[in-house]
Amino acid sequence: MSKQPEALRLADWLDADACDLQTPRLAAAELRRLHSVNAVLLSALQDIARYTGQRQVLDENARIARAAIAKAEEVKP
């Protein structure tokens, strides 16, 4: 059984104890968004690490990196 990431644990805590305060709910949503972006970036780095120096592989690495960057740069709601 894996341990829940700290950002998600804090987000759950903020949601549970927030009562009617909007700020903790926004903080919880942002922690979840950042966790999601982190997962995409980590996955992209893992994919890139699998490849070697062939030209078509370099193009694929660039595509993976651009997709991860685009996800990280998405404007939050």
N, C-alpha and C. Protein backbone atom coordinates (compact mmCIF):
# COMPACT_ATOMS: atom_id res chain seq x y z
N MET A 1 0.85 -1.18 0.00
CA MET A 1 0.00 0.00 0.00
C MET A 1 0.89 1.25 0.00
N SER A 2 0.66 2.15 -0.94
CA SER A 2 1.50 3.34 -1.02
C SER A 2 0.91 4.47 -0.18
N LYS A 3 1.81 5.29 0.32
CA LYS A 3 1.42 6.43 1.14
C LYS A 3 0.85 7.53 0.23
N GLN A 4 -0.20 8.19 0.70
CA GLN A 4 -0.79 9.29 -0.06
C GLN A 4 0.19 10.45 -0.13
N PRO A 5 0.34 11.07 -1.31
CA PRO A 5 1.23 12.24 -1.41
C PRO A 5 0.80 13.34 -0.44
N GLU A 6 1.76 14.04 0.10
CA GLU A 6 1.51 15.08 1.11
C GLU A 6 0.57 16.17 0.59
N ALA A 7 0.74 16.59 -0.66
CA ALA A 7 -0.12 17.64 -1.20
C ALA A 7 -1.58 17.20 -1.19
N LEU A 8 -1.83 15.94 -1.53
CA LEU A 8 -3.21 15.46 -1.53
C LEU A 8 -3.74 15.27 -0.11
N ARG A 9 -2.88 14.85 0.81
CA ARG A 9 -3.30 14.72 2.20
C ARG A 9 -3.71 16.08 2.75
N LEU A 10 -2.91 17.10 2.46
CA LEU A 10 -3.23 18.45 2.92
C LEU A 10 -4.50 18.98 2.26
N ALA A 11 -4.68 18.69 0.99
CA ALA A 11 -5.90 19.12 0.29
C ALA A 11 -7.13 18.48 0.94
N ASP A 12 -7.05 17.20 1.23
CA ASP A 12 -8.17 16.53 1.90
C ASP A 12 -8.44 17.14 3.27
N TRP A 13 -7.38 17.43 4.00
CA TRP A 13 -7.51 18.03 5.33
C TRP A 13 -8.18 19.40 5.23
N LEU A 14 -7.74 20.20 4.26
CA LEU A 14 -8.34 21.53 4.09
C LEU A 14 -9.82 21.42 3.74
N ASP A 15 -10.15 20.49 2.85
CA ASP A 15 -11.56 20.31 2.49
C ASP A 15 -12.40 19.90 3.69
N ALA A 16 -11.90 18.97 4.49
CA ALA A 16 -12.66 18.44 5.62
C ALA A 16 -12.86 19.48 6.72
N ASP A 17 -11.88 20.33 6.95
CA ASP A 17 -11.92 21.28 8.06
C ASP A 17 -12.22 22.72 7.63
N ALA A 18 -12.62 22.91 6.40
CA ALA A 18 -12.75 24.26 5.88
C ALA A 18 -14.02 24.97 6.29
N CYS A 19 -15.01 24.24 6.76
CA CYS A 19 -16.32 24.84 7.05
C CYS A 19 -16.82 25.54 5.80
N ASP A 20 -17.12 26.82 5.89
CA ASP A 20 -17.61 27.56 4.73
C ASP A 20 -16.59 28.55 4.20
N LEU A 21 -15.36 28.41 4.59
CA LEU A 21 -14.33 29.35 4.14
C LEU A 21 -13.88 29.00 2.73
N GLN A 22 -13.84 29.98 1.86
CA GLN A 22 -13.46 29.75 0.46
C GLN A 22 -11.96 29.57 0.29
N THR A 23 -11.15 30.29 1.04
CA THR A 23 -9.69 30.24 0.86
C THR A 23 -9.12 28.83 1.02
N PRO A 24 -9.48 28.10 2.07
CA PRO A 24 -8.95 26.73 2.17
C PRO A 24 -9.40 25.84 1.01
N ARG A 25 -10.61 26.04 0.51
CA ARG A 25 -11.08 25.24 -0.63
C ARG A 25 -10.27 25.56 -1.88
N LEU A 26 -9.97 26.82 -2.07
CA LEU A 26 -9.13 27.20 -3.21
C LEU A 26 -7.73 26.62 -3.06
N ALA A 27 -7.22 26.65 -1.84
CA ALA A 27 -5.89 26.06 -1.59
C ALA A 27 -5.90 24.57 -1.87
N ALA A 28 -6.96 23.89 -1.46
CA ALA A 28 -7.07 22.46 -1.71
C ALA A 28 -7.11 22.17 -3.21
N ALA A 29 -7.87 22.95 -3.94
CA ALA A 29 -7.95 22.77 -5.39
C ALA A 29 -6.60 23.01 -6.05
N GLU A 30 -5.88 24.01 -5.58
CA GLU A 30 -4.55 24.30 -6.15
C GLU A 30 -3.56 23.19 -5.83
N LEU A 31 -3.60 22.64 -4.63
CA LEU A 31 -2.73 21.52 -4.29
C LEU A 31 -3.00 20.33 -5.20
N ARG A 32 -4.26 20.06 -5.48
CA ARG A 32 -4.60 18.96 -6.38
C ARG A 32 -4.13 19.24 -7.80
N ARG A 33 -4.29 20.49 -8.25
CA ARG A 33 -3.83 20.85 -9.61
C ARG A 33 -2.32 20.67 -9.72
N LEU A 34 -1.59 21.13 -8.72
CA LEU A 34 -0.14 21.01 -8.74
C LEU A 34 0.30 19.55 -8.69
N HIS A 35 -0.40 18.74 -7.93
CA HIS A 35 -0.08 17.32 -7.88
C HIS A 35 -0.27 16.68 -9.26
N SER A 36 -1.34 17.06 -9.94
CA SER A 36 -1.61 16.53 -11.27
C SER A 36 -0.53 16.94 -12.27
N VAL A 37 -0.14 18.21 -12.23
CA VAL A 37 0.93 18.70 -13.12
C VAL A 37 2.23 17.98 -12.82
N ASN A 38 2.53 17.78 -11.56
CA ASN A 38 3.75 17.07 -11.18
C ASN A 38 3.75 15.65 -11.74
N ALA A 39 2.60 14.99 -11.68
CA ALA A 39 2.50 13.62 -12.20
C ALA A 39 2.76 13.58 -13.71
N VAL A 40 2.23 14.57 -14.44
CA VAL A 40 2.45 14.64 -15.88
C VAL A 40 3.93 14.88 -16.18
N LEU A 41 4.54 15.80 -15.46
CA LEU A 41 5.96 16.09 -15.67
C LEU A 41 6.84 14.88 -15.35
N LEU A 42 6.55 14.20 -14.26
CA LEU A 42 7.32 13.02 -13.90
C LEU A 42 7.17 11.94 -14.95
N SER A 43 5.97 11.72 -15.44
CA SER A 43 5.75 10.72 -16.48
C SER A 43 6.52 11.06 -17.75
N ALA A 44 6.50 12.34 -18.12
CA ALA A 44 7.23 12.78 -19.31
C ALA A 44 8.73 12.53 -19.15
N LEU A 45 9.26 12.86 -17.99
CA LEU A 45 10.69 12.62 -17.75
C LEU A 45 11.02 11.13 -17.79
N GLN A 46 10.14 10.31 -17.26
CA GLN A 46 10.37 8.87 -17.30
C GLN A 46 10.35 8.37 -18.74
N ASP A 47 9.42 8.88 -19.56
CA ASP A 47 9.37 8.49 -20.98
C ASP A 47 10.64 8.92 -21.71
N ILE A 48 11.08 10.14 -21.47
CA ILE A 48 12.28 10.66 -22.13
C ILE A 48 13.49 9.83 -21.73
N ALA A 49 13.57 9.43 -20.46
CA ALA A 49 14.72 8.67 -19.98
C ALA A 49 14.83 7.30 -20.65
N ARG A 50 13.73 6.79 -21.19
CA ARG A 50 13.76 5.48 -21.85
C ARG A 50 14.43 5.51 -23.22
N TYR A 51 14.52 6.68 -23.83
CA TYR A 51 15.01 6.78 -25.19
C TYR A 51 16.52 6.99 -25.25
N THR A 52 17.08 6.69 -26.43
CA THR A 52 18.51 6.92 -26.68
C THR A 52 18.67 8.00 -27.73
N GLY A 53 19.86 8.15 -28.31
CA GLY A 53 20.18 9.29 -29.18
C GLY A 53 19.82 9.20 -30.64
N GLN A 54 18.90 8.35 -31.07
CA GLN A 54 18.51 8.29 -32.47
C GLN A 54 17.67 9.51 -32.84
N ARG A 55 17.75 9.93 -34.10
CA ARG A 55 17.07 11.16 -34.53
C ARG A 55 15.56 11.11 -34.27
N GLN A 56 14.90 10.04 -34.67
CA GLN A 56 13.46 9.98 -34.47
C GLN A 56 13.11 9.93 -32.98
N VAL A 57 14.01 9.37 -32.21
CA VAL A 57 13.80 9.32 -30.76
C VAL A 57 13.94 10.72 -30.17
N LEU A 58 14.90 11.48 -30.68
CA LEU A 58 15.06 12.86 -30.20
C LEU A 58 13.81 13.69 -30.51
N ASP A 59 13.22 13.47 -31.69
CA ASP A 59 11.98 14.16 -32.03
C ASP A 59 10.86 13.77 -31.08
N GLU A 60 10.79 12.48 -30.72
CA GLU A 60 9.77 12.02 -29.78
C GLU A 60 10.01 12.62 -28.39
N ASN A 61 11.26 12.69 -27.98
CA ASN A 61 11.57 13.33 -26.69
C ASN A 61 11.10 14.77 -26.67
N ALA A 62 11.35 15.48 -27.78
CA ALA A 62 10.93 16.88 -27.86
C ALA A 62 9.41 16.98 -27.79
N ARG A 63 8.69 16.08 -28.44
CA ARG A 63 7.23 16.09 -28.40
C ARG A 63 6.73 15.86 -26.97
N ILE A 64 7.33 14.87 -26.30
CA ILE A 64 6.93 14.57 -24.92
C ILE A 64 7.20 15.77 -24.02
N ALA A 65 8.36 16.38 -24.18
CA ALA A 65 8.72 17.53 -23.35
C ALA A 65 7.77 18.70 -23.60
N ARG A 66 7.45 18.97 -24.87
CA ARG A 66 6.53 20.08 -25.19
C ARG A 66 5.14 19.84 -24.59
N ALA A 67 4.67 18.60 -24.64
CA ALA A 67 3.35 18.29 -24.08
C ALA A 67 3.35 18.49 -22.56
N ALA A 68 4.43 18.08 -21.90
CA ALA A 68 4.51 18.26 -20.45
C ALA A 68 4.60 19.74 -20.08
N ILE A 69 5.36 20.49 -20.84
CA ILE A 69 5.48 21.93 -20.60
C ILE A 69 4.13 22.61 -20.78
N ALA A 70 3.40 22.24 -21.82
CA ALA A 70 2.09 22.83 -22.07
C ALA A 70 1.15 22.54 -20.90
N LYS A 71 1.19 21.32 -20.38
CA LYS A 71 0.35 20.96 -19.23
C LYS A 71 0.73 21.79 -18.02
N ALA A 72 2.03 21.95 -17.77
CA ALA A 72 2.48 22.71 -16.61
C ALA A 72 2.14 24.19 -16.72
N GLU A 73 2.04 24.69 -17.95
CA GLU A 73 1.79 26.11 -18.15
C GLU A 73 0.30 26.44 -18.30
N GLU A 74 -0.57 25.42 -18.24
CA GLU A 74 -2.00 25.68 -18.34
C GLU A 74 -2.43 26.67 -17.26
N VAL A 75 -3.30 27.55 -17.65
CA VAL A 75 -3.81 28.54 -16.69
C VAL A 75 -4.82 27.84 -15.80
N LYS A 76 -4.65 28.02 -14.50
CA LYS A 76 -5.59 27.40 -13.57
C LYS A 76 -6.95 28.10 -13.66
N PRO A 77 -8.01 27.35 -13.37
CA PRO A 77 -9.36 27.93 -13.45
C PRO A 77 -9.59 29.03 -12.45
